[in-house]
Amino acid sequence: MELTDTVDEETVEAPLDLSDVLKITDRCDQCGAQAFIWVNMPNSKAGLLFCNHHFRKNETKLREVAIDFIDESYKINKKASASSPD
């Protein structure tokens, strides 16, 4: 049997890039504001989306039960909105 250095490209999965997962259209499950935090909960296929305010308000309890977080709150006010006078 001959060993080769070739890899079947169809079976190789690219690493999951978790940066910029949340889009401007993602909305907080509690208030409808733009979501900046995604929380992966046990037995949840989609997880929960939170604006920064509602995540921080519930952060202690969420950290007790959540599996993982994606926090993109660094994006807040990074780009001026279309309604900005500047």
Protein backbone atom coordinates (compact mmCIF):
# COMPACT_ATOMS: atom_id res chain seq x y z
CA MET A 1 0.00 0.00 0.00
CA GLU A 2 1.32 3.42 -0.97
CA LEU A 3 0.92 6.44 1.28
CA THR A 4 0.32 9.78 -0.37
CA ASP A 5 0.17 13.37 0.78
CA THR A 6 -3.10 14.07 -0.99
CA VAL A 7 -6.24 14.89 0.90
CA ASP A 8 -9.76 14.53 -0.36
CA GLU A 9 -10.83 18.20 -0.33
CA GLU A 10 -14.51 17.32 -0.02
CA THR A 11 -13.98 15.74 3.40
CA VAL A 12 -11.87 18.54 4.87
CA GLU A 13 -13.88 21.14 6.75
CA ALA A 14 -12.61 24.67 7.14
CA PRO A 15 -12.36 25.86 10.72
CA LEU A 16 -15.44 27.72 11.84
CA ASP A 17 -14.79 31.47 11.86
CA LEU A 18 -16.85 32.96 14.66
CA SER A 19 -15.90 36.55 13.99
CA ASP A 20 -18.68 38.67 12.55
CA VAL A 21 -21.32 35.98 13.07
CA LEU A 22 -24.05 38.45 13.99
CA LYS A 23 -25.45 40.67 11.28
CA ILE A 24 -27.28 43.98 11.44
CA THR A 25 -30.53 42.13 10.79
CA ASP A 26 -30.15 39.95 13.92
CA ARG A 27 -32.48 41.22 16.63
CA CYS A 28 -32.66 40.87 20.41
CA ASP A 29 -35.17 38.22 21.44
CA GLN A 30 -36.42 40.47 24.25
CA CYS A 31 -36.81 43.91 22.71
CA GLY A 32 -36.07 43.79 18.99
CA ALA A 33 -32.98 46.04 19.11
CA GLN A 34 -29.89 45.02 17.17
CA ALA A 35 -28.37 41.88 18.69
CA PHE A 36 -24.70 41.92 19.61
CA ILE A 37 -24.54 38.77 21.77
CA TRP A 38 -25.49 35.23 20.83
CA VAL A 39 -25.89 32.74 23.66
CA ASN A 40 -25.77 29.00 23.02
CA MET A 41 -28.13 27.35 25.47
CA PRO A 42 -28.47 23.66 26.28
CA ASN A 43 -31.08 21.90 24.14
CA SER A 44 -31.43 24.93 21.86
CA LYS A 45 -30.88 24.63 18.14
CA ALA A 46 -30.72 28.37 17.52
CA GLY A 47 -29.57 29.88 20.80
CA LEU A 48 -30.68 33.27 22.06
CA LEU A 49 -29.91 36.73 20.72
CA PHE A 50 -29.48 39.73 22.99
CA CYS A 51 -28.82 43.43 22.66
CA ASN A 52 -26.01 44.55 24.95
CA HIS A 53 -28.45 45.97 27.51
CA HIS A 54 -30.50 42.79 27.97
CA PHE A 55 -27.45 40.54 27.97
CA ARG A 56 -25.76 42.56 30.72
CA LYS A 57 -29.03 42.67 32.68
CA ASN A 58 -29.23 38.83 32.61
CA GLU A 59 -25.52 37.99 32.30
CA THR A 60 -25.03 36.35 35.70
CA LYS A 61 -27.88 33.88 35.21
CA LEU A 62 -26.98 33.23 31.57
CA ARG A 63 -23.37 32.40 32.42
CA GLU A 64 -24.61 29.81 34.92
CA VAL A 65 -26.49 27.82 32.28
CA ALA A 66 -25.10 28.74 28.86
CA ILE A 67 -22.77 26.52 26.86
CA ASP A 68 -21.03 29.32 24.95
CA PHE A 69 -21.24 32.99 23.96
CA ILE A 70 -20.39 35.10 20.98
CA ASP A 71 -20.01 38.68 22.14
CA GLU A 72 -19.72 41.27 19.37
CA SER A 73 -20.56 44.25 21.57
CA TYR A 74 -17.29 45.81 20.42
CA LYS A 75 -19.24 46.69 17.24
CA ILE A 76 -21.56 49.09 19.08
CA ASN A 77 -21.12 52.58 17.63
CA LYS A 78 -18.22 51.35 15.49
CA LYS A 79 -19.92 52.77 12.40
CA ALA A 80 -22.25 55.74 12.45
CA SER A 81 -25.82 54.96 11.52
CA ALA A 82 -27.39 56.30 8.34
CA SER A 83 -29.38 58.78 10.45
CA SER A 84 -26.22 60.23 12.02
CA PRO A 85 -25.67 63.93 11.20
CA ASP A 86 -21.94 63.31 10.52
